[in-house]
Amino acid sequence: MNSKQENETIQSILNGEREKFALLVDKYKGPVYNLVYRLTGSGHDAEDLAQETFIRAYQSLNHFKPNKKFFPWLYTIALNLTRNHLKKKKPLLVKDFDHLQTDTSNPEQALSQLEQAEALAHHIQRLPVSLREAIILRYYHYLHFGEISQILSISLSAAKMRVYRGLEKLEMLIQRQAAGTKK
């Protein structure tokens, strides 16, 4: 479903065909869940917040601007709900390593890759929320800087700067860990 089809679907929903909202949910439930999960580190919280995202989107659909893309608008709702949730609760470490490609014939290498991924996830969770959001949107959701700026409601240059600073901070955290310091 492209942007034009999404806008037609949204118009149909606004005209009373509420069941068509399921098409949008089916398309975006995975990406919304993934975004929230990576920010919270909790599958349970991600399910609840993803569901709340779609409820809020449905309730606010009449505020959606048809000349815009739907998914950045939806991601913004998810991000705002997640931010509010994180203010109330400390995030957990994300341990989603199913996507790793490991050579099972070399268990030491597989373990090393898993440990590296776990360390990276830990360092990402230690980033300030604004940098963490930008890194997750860029490198886990493969979004362009323009999309990131739209979702985070910041300028294009600010989106680039947050990703750049996030990468710098990650590099610093990794170097400190390698040097044996915690801070």
C-alpha atoms as a PDB file:
ATOM      1  CA  MET A   1       0.000   0.000   0.000  1.00  0.00           C
ATOM      2  CA  ASN A   2       1.575   3.301  -1.096  1.00  0.00           C
ATOM      3  CA  SER A   3       0.912   6.790   0.312  1.00  0.00           C
ATOM      4  CA  LYS A   4      -1.912   7.483  -2.135  1.00  0.00           C
ATOM      5  CA  GLN A   5      -3.650   4.217  -1.234  1.00  0.00           C
ATOM      6  CA  GLU A   6      -3.145   4.936   2.471  1.00  0.00           C
ATOM      7  CA  ASN A   7      -4.754   8.352   2.059  1.00  0.00           C
ATOM      8  CA  GLU A   8      -7.676   6.768   0.196  1.00  0.00           C
ATOM      9  CA  THR A   9      -8.029   4.200   2.988  1.00  0.00           C
ATOM     10  CA  ILE A  10      -7.971   6.964   5.601  1.00  0.00           C
ATOM     11  CA  GLN A  11     -10.630   8.882   3.694  1.00  0.00           C
ATOM     12  CA  SER A  12     -12.776   5.724   3.563  1.00  0.00           C
ATOM     13  CA  ILE A  13     -12.381   5.296   7.328  1.00  0.00           C
ATOM     14  CA  LEU A  14     -13.383   8.908   7.910  1.00  0.00           C
ATOM     15  CA  ASN A  15     -16.419   8.308   5.674  1.00  0.00           C
ATOM     16  CA  GLY A  16     -17.598   5.505   7.955  1.00  0.00           C
ATOM     17  CA  GLU A  17     -15.783   2.381   6.729  1.00  0.00           C
ATOM     18  CA  ARG A  18     -14.118   1.835  10.105  1.00  0.00           C
ATOM     19  CA  GLU A  19     -13.154  -1.772   9.364  1.00  0.00           C
ATOM     20  CA  LYS A  20     -10.564  -0.491   6.846  1.00  0.00           C
ATOM     21  CA  PHE A  21      -8.436   0.715   9.749  1.00  0.00           C
ATOM     22  CA  ALA A  22      -7.363  -2.935  10.089  1.00  0.00           C
ATOM     23  CA  LEU A  23      -5.422  -2.517   6.816  1.00  0.00           C
ATOM     24  CA  LEU A  24      -3.291   0.200   8.399  1.00  0.00           C
ATOM     25  CA  VAL A  25      -2.861  -1.794  11.600  1.00  0.00           C
ATOM     26  CA  ASP A  26      -1.754  -4.868   9.633  1.00  0.00           C
ATOM     27  CA  LYS A  27       0.794  -2.837   7.682  1.00  0.00           C
ATOM     28  CA  TYR A  28       2.317  -0.989  10.639  1.00  0.00           C
ATOM     29  CA  LYS A  29       1.845  -3.195  13.709  1.00  0.00           C
ATOM     30  CA  GLY A  30       5.290  -4.790  13.292  1.00  0.00           C
ATOM     31  CA  PRO A  31       7.256  -1.568  12.774  1.00  0.00           C
ATOM     32  CA  VAL A  32       5.425   0.238  15.599  1.00  0.00           C
ATOM     33  CA  TYR A  33       5.965  -2.669  18.005  1.00  0.00           C
ATOM     34  CA  ASN A  34       9.646  -2.869  17.008  1.00  0.00           C
ATOM     35  CA  LEU A  35      10.182   0.858  17.557  1.00  0.00           C
ATOM     36  CA  VAL A  36       8.545   0.824  20.982  1.00  0.00           C
ATOM     37  CA  TYR A  37      10.298  -2.399  21.989  1.00  0.00           C
ATOM     38  CA  ARG A  38      13.714  -0.994  21.140  1.00  0.00           C
ATOM     39  CA  LEU A  39      12.983   2.123  23.159  1.00  0.00           C
ATOM     40  CA  THR A  40      11.490   0.401  26.216  1.00  0.00           C
ATOM     41  CA  GLY A  41      13.212  -2.977  26.228  1.00  0.00           C
ATOM     42  CA  SER A  42      10.001  -4.686  27.305  1.00  0.00           C
ATOM     43  CA  GLY A  43       7.821  -6.889  25.124  1.00  0.00           C
ATOM     44  CA  HIS A  44       4.845  -6.409  27.419  1.00  0.00           C
ATOM     45  CA  ASP A  45       5.186  -2.615  27.420  1.00  0.00           C
ATOM     46  CA  ALA A  46       5.739  -2.624  23.654  1.00  0.00           C
ATOM     47  CA  GLU A  47       2.497  -4.551  23.094  1.00  0.00           C
ATOM     48  CA  ASP A  48       0.542  -2.176  25.323  1.00  0.00           C
ATOM     49  CA  LEU A  49       2.058   0.967  23.819  1.00  0.00           C
ATOM     50  CA  ALA A  50       1.670  -0.280  20.237  1.00  0.00           C
ATOM     51  CA  GLN A  51      -1.995  -1.003  20.894  1.00  0.00           C
ATOM     52  CA  GLU A  52      -2.442   2.413  22.491  1.00  0.00           C
ATOM     53  CA  THR A  53      -0.710   3.976  19.467  1.00  0.00           C
ATOM     54  CA  PHE A  54      -3.307   2.534  17.101  1.00  0.00           C
ATOM     55  CA  ILE A  55      -6.168   3.533  19.396  1.00  0.00           C
ATOM     56  CA  ARG A  56      -4.879   7.112  19.527  1.00  0.00           C
ATOM     57  CA  ALA A  57      -4.269   7.150  15.773  1.00  0.00           C
ATOM     58  CA  TYR A  58      -7.813   5.986  15.122  1.00  0.00           C
ATOM     59  CA  GLN A  59      -9.256   8.563  17.508  1.00  0.00           C
ATOM     60  CA  SER A  60      -7.159  11.347  15.946  1.00  0.00           C
ATOM     61  CA  LEU A  61      -7.459  10.288  12.315  1.00  0.00           C
ATOM     62  CA  ASN A  62      -9.500  13.376  11.475  1.00  0.00           C
ATOM     63  CA  HIS A  63      -6.409  15.470  12.403  1.00  0.00           C
ATOM     64  CA  PHE A  64      -4.183  13.650   9.905  1.00  0.00           C
ATOM     65  CA  LYS A  65      -3.149  15.879   6.993  1.00  0.00           C
ATOM     66  CA  PRO A  66      -3.701  13.971   3.720  1.00  0.00           C
ATOM     67  CA  ASN A  67      -0.769  15.740   2.025  1.00  0.00           C
ATOM     68  CA  LYS A  68       1.599  14.053   4.511  1.00  0.00           C
ATOM     69  CA  LYS A  69       2.757  10.452   4.815  1.00  0.00           C
ATOM     70  CA  PHE A  70       0.890   8.324   7.337  1.00  0.00           C
ATOM     71  CA  PHE A  71       3.748   6.377   8.903  1.00  0.00           C
ATOM     72  CA  PRO A  72       5.744   9.379  10.245  1.00  0.00           C
ATOM     73  CA  TRP A  73       2.512  10.653  11.809  1.00  0.00           C
ATOM     74  CA  LEU A  74       1.888   7.216  13.344  1.00  0.00           C
ATOM     75  CA  TYR A  75       5.518   6.917  14.534  1.00  0.00           C
ATOM     76  CA  THR A  76       5.194  10.328  16.170  1.00  0.00           C
ATOM     77  CA  ILE A  77       2.199   9.100  18.153  1.00  0.00           C
ATOM     78  CA  ALA A  78       4.121   5.961  19.170  1.00  0.00           C
ATOM     79  CA  LEU A  79       7.169   7.993  20.111  1.00  0.00           C
ATOM     80  CA  ASN A  80       5.186  10.447  22.239  1.00  0.00           C
ATOM     81  CA  LEU A  81       3.417   7.623  24.077  1.00  0.00           C
ATOM     82  CA  THR A  82       6.753   5.889  24.638  1.00  0.00           C
ATOM     83  CA  ARG A  83       8.394   9.077  25.909  1.00  0.00           C
ATOM     84  CA  ASN A  84       5.583   9.544  28.423  1.00  0.00           C
ATOM     85  CA  HIS A  85       5.913   5.912  29.472  1.00  0.00           C
ATOM     86  CA  LEU A  86       9.693   6.190  29.902  1.00  0.00           C
ATOM     87  CA  LYS A  87       9.310   9.255  32.108  1.00  0.00           C
ATOM     88  CA  LYS A  88       7.367   7.033  34.499  1.00  0.00           C
ATOM     89  CA  LYS A  89       9.483   3.897  34.179  1.00  0.00           C
ATOM     90  CA  LYS A  90      13.187   3.218  33.721  1.00  0.00           C
ATOM     91  CA  PRO A  91      13.858   1.400  30.425  1.00  0.00           C
ATOM     92  CA  LEU A  92      15.127  -2.163  30.421  1.00  0.00           C
ATOM     93  CA  LEU A  93      17.967  -3.535  28.352  1.00  0.00           C
ATOM     94  CA  VAL A  94      16.824  -4.673  24.917  1.00  0.00           C
ATOM     95  CA  LYS A  95      17.888  -8.251  24.230  1.00  0.00           C
ATOM     96  CA  ASP A  96      16.664  -8.875  20.707  1.00  0.00           C
ATOM     97  CA  PHE A  97      19.438 -10.772  18.988  1.00  0.00           C
ATOM     98  CA  ASP A  98      17.413 -13.165  16.837  1.00  0.00           C
ATOM     99  CA  HIS A  99      18.425 -11.242  13.734  1.00  0.00           C
ATOM    100  CA  LEU A 100      22.135 -11.983  14.175  1.00  0.00           C
ATOM    101  CA  GLN A 101      23.677 -14.144  11.490  1.00  0.00           C
ATOM    102  CA  THR A 102      26.124 -16.470  13.205  1.00  0.00           C
ATOM    103  CA  ASP A 103      28.289 -19.260  11.922  1.00  0.00           C
ATOM    104  CA  THR A 104      27.127 -22.226  14.004  1.00  0.00           C
ATOM    105  CA  SER A 105      30.227 -24.190  13.012  1.00  0.00           C
ATOM    106  CA  ASN A 106      32.283 -21.747  15.097  1.00  0.00           C
ATOM    107  CA  PRO A 107      30.651 -21.449  18.532  1.00  0.00           C
ATOM    108  CA  GLU A 108      33.341 -19.085  19.880  1.00  0.00           C
ATOM    109  CA  GLN A 109      32.679 -16.631  17.059  1.00  0.00           C
ATOM    110  CA  ALA A 110      28.912 -16.927  17.553  1.00  0.00           C
ATOM    111  CA  LEU A 111      29.307 -16.220  21.277  1.00  0.00           C
ATOM    112  CA  SER A 112      31.577 -13.264  20.561  1.00  0.00           C
ATOM    113  CA  GLN A 113      29.029 -11.772  18.145  1.00  0.00           C
ATOM    114  CA  LEU A 114      26.247 -12.249  20.678  1.00  0.00           C
ATOM    115  CA  GLU A 115      28.317 -10.574  23.407  1.00  0.00           C
ATOM    116  CA  GLN A 116      29.114  -7.643  21.089  1.00  0.00           C
ATOM    117  CA  ALA A 117      25.443  -7.205  20.182  1.00  0.00           C
ATOM    118  CA  GLU A 118      24.474  -7.374  23.855  1.00  0.00           C
ATOM    119  CA  ALA A 119      27.097  -4.750  24.739  1.00  0.00           C
ATOM    120  CA  LEU A 120      25.894  -2.485  21.926  1.00  0.00           C
ATOM    121  CA  ALA A 121      22.267  -2.797  23.081  1.00  0.00           C
ATOM    122  CA  HIS A 122      23.394  -1.936  26.613  1.00  0.00           C
ATOM    123  CA  HIS A 123      25.263   1.156  25.380  1.00  0.00           C
ATOM    124  CA  ILE A 124      22.306   2.286  23.256  1.00  0.00           C
ATOM    125  CA  GLN A 125      20.084   2.098  26.354  1.00  0.00           C
ATOM    126  CA  ARG A 126      22.582   4.351  28.172  1.00  0.00           C
ATOM    127  CA  LEU A 127      22.259   7.114  25.560  1.00  0.00           C
ATOM    128  CA  PRO A 128      20.109  10.131  26.353  1.00  0.00           C
ATOM    129  CA  VAL A 129      16.580   9.544  25.046  1.00  0.00           C
ATOM    130  CA  SER A 130      16.876  12.098  22.222  1.00  0.00           C
ATOM    131  CA  LEU A 131      20.028  10.437  20.860  1.00  0.00           C
ATOM    132  CA  ARG A 132      18.668   6.917  21.433  1.00  0.00           C
ATOM    133  CA  GLU A 133      15.524   7.719  19.436  1.00  0.00           C
ATOM    134  CA  ALA A 134      17.555   9.059  16.511  1.00  0.00           C
ATOM    135  CA  ILE A 135      19.936   6.063  16.493  1.00  0.00           C
ATOM    136  CA  ILE A 136      17.089   3.541  16.653  1.00  0.00           C
ATOM    137  CA  LEU A 137      15.119   5.251  13.881  1.00  0.00           C
ATOM    138  CA  ARG A 138      18.208   5.488  11.648  1.00  0.00           C
ATOM    139  CA  TYR A 139      19.914   2.133  12.190  1.00  0.00           C
ATOM    140  CA  TYR A 140      17.128  -0.211  13.291  1.00  0.00           C
ATOM    141  CA  HIS A 141      14.290   1.201  11.181  1.00  0.00           C
ATOM    142  CA  TYR A 142      16.518   2.391   8.306  1.00  0.00           C
ATOM    143  CA  LEU A 143      14.786   5.760   8.049  1.00  0.00           C
ATOM    144  CA  HIS A 144      16.192   8.690   6.099  1.00  0.00           C
ATOM    145  CA  PHE A 145      17.122  11.860   7.958  1.00  0.00           C
ATOM    146  CA  GLY A 146      14.086  13.654   6.508  1.00  0.00           C
ATOM    147  CA  GLU A 147      11.774  11.025   7.960  1.00  0.00           C
ATOM    148  CA  ILE A 148      13.579  11.159  11.297  1.00  0.00           C
ATOM    149  CA  SER A 149      13.249  14.941  11.406  1.00  0.00           C
ATOM    150  CA  GLN A 150       9.527  14.694  10.655  1.00  0.00           C
ATOM    151  CA  ILE A 151       8.897  12.008  13.302  1.00  0.00           C
ATOM    152  CA  LEU A 152      10.915  13.787  15.993  1.00  0.00           C
ATOM    153  CA  SER A 153       9.564  17.227  14.971  1.00  0.00           C
ATOM    154  CA  ILE A 154      13.048  18.653  14.530  1.00  0.00           C
ATOM    155  CA  SER A 155      14.938  20.177  11.607  1.00  0.00           C
ATOM    156  CA  LEU A 156      16.838  18.050   9.117  1.00  0.00           C
ATOM    157  CA  SER A 157      20.166  19.339  10.442  1.00  0.00           C
ATOM    158  CA  ALA A 158      19.097  18.560  14.020  1.00  0.00           C
ATOM    159  CA  ALA A 159      18.218  14.988  12.992  1.00  0.00           C
ATOM    160  CA  LYS A 160      21.651  14.554  11.404  1.00  0.00           C
ATOM    161  CA  MET A 161      23.312  16.063  14.468  1.00  0.00           C
ATOM    162  CA  ARG A 162      21.455  13.751  16.882  1.00  0.00           C
ATOM    163  CA  VAL A 163      22.525  10.693  14.913  1.00  0.00           C
ATOM    164  CA  TYR A 164      26.104  11.991  14.710  1.00  0.00           C
ATOM    165  CA  ARG A 165      26.223  12.789  18.439  1.00  0.00           C
ATOM    166  CA  GLY A 166      24.610   9.452  19.257  1.00  0.00           C
ATOM    167  CA  LEU A 167      27.304   7.638  17.291  1.00  0.00           C
ATOM    168  CA  GLU A 168      30.008   9.717  18.992  1.00  0.00           C
ATOM    169  CA  LYS A 169      28.572   8.921  22.419  1.00  0.00           C
ATOM    170  CA  LEU A 170      28.314   5.207  21.550  1.00  0.00           C
ATOM    171  CA  GLU A 171      31.931   5.216  20.427  1.00  0.00           C
ATOM    172  CA  MET A 172      32.963   6.888  23.683  1.00  0.00           C
ATOM    173  CA  LEU A 173      30.988   4.370  25.773  1.00  0.00           C
ATOM    174  CA  ILE A 174      32.511   1.450  23.886  1.00  0.00           C
ATOM    175  CA  GLN A 175      36.029   2.856  24.259  1.00  0.00           C
ATOM    176  CA  ARG A 176      35.503   3.366  27.982  1.00  0.00           C
ATOM    177  CA  GLN A 177      34.280  -0.196  28.338  1.00  0.00           C
ATOM    178  CA  ALA A 178      37.311  -1.455  26.425  1.00  0.00           C
ATOM    179  CA  ALA A 179      39.580   0.602  28.695  1.00  0.00           C
ATOM    180  CA  GLY A 180      37.873  -0.918  31.725  1.00  0.00           C
ATOM    181  CA  THR A 181      36.069   2.158  33.062  1.00  0.00           C
ATOM    182  CA  LYS A 182      32.344   2.369  33.721  1.00  0.00           C
ATOM    183  CA  LYS A 183      31.632   6.062  33.184  1.00  0.00           C
END
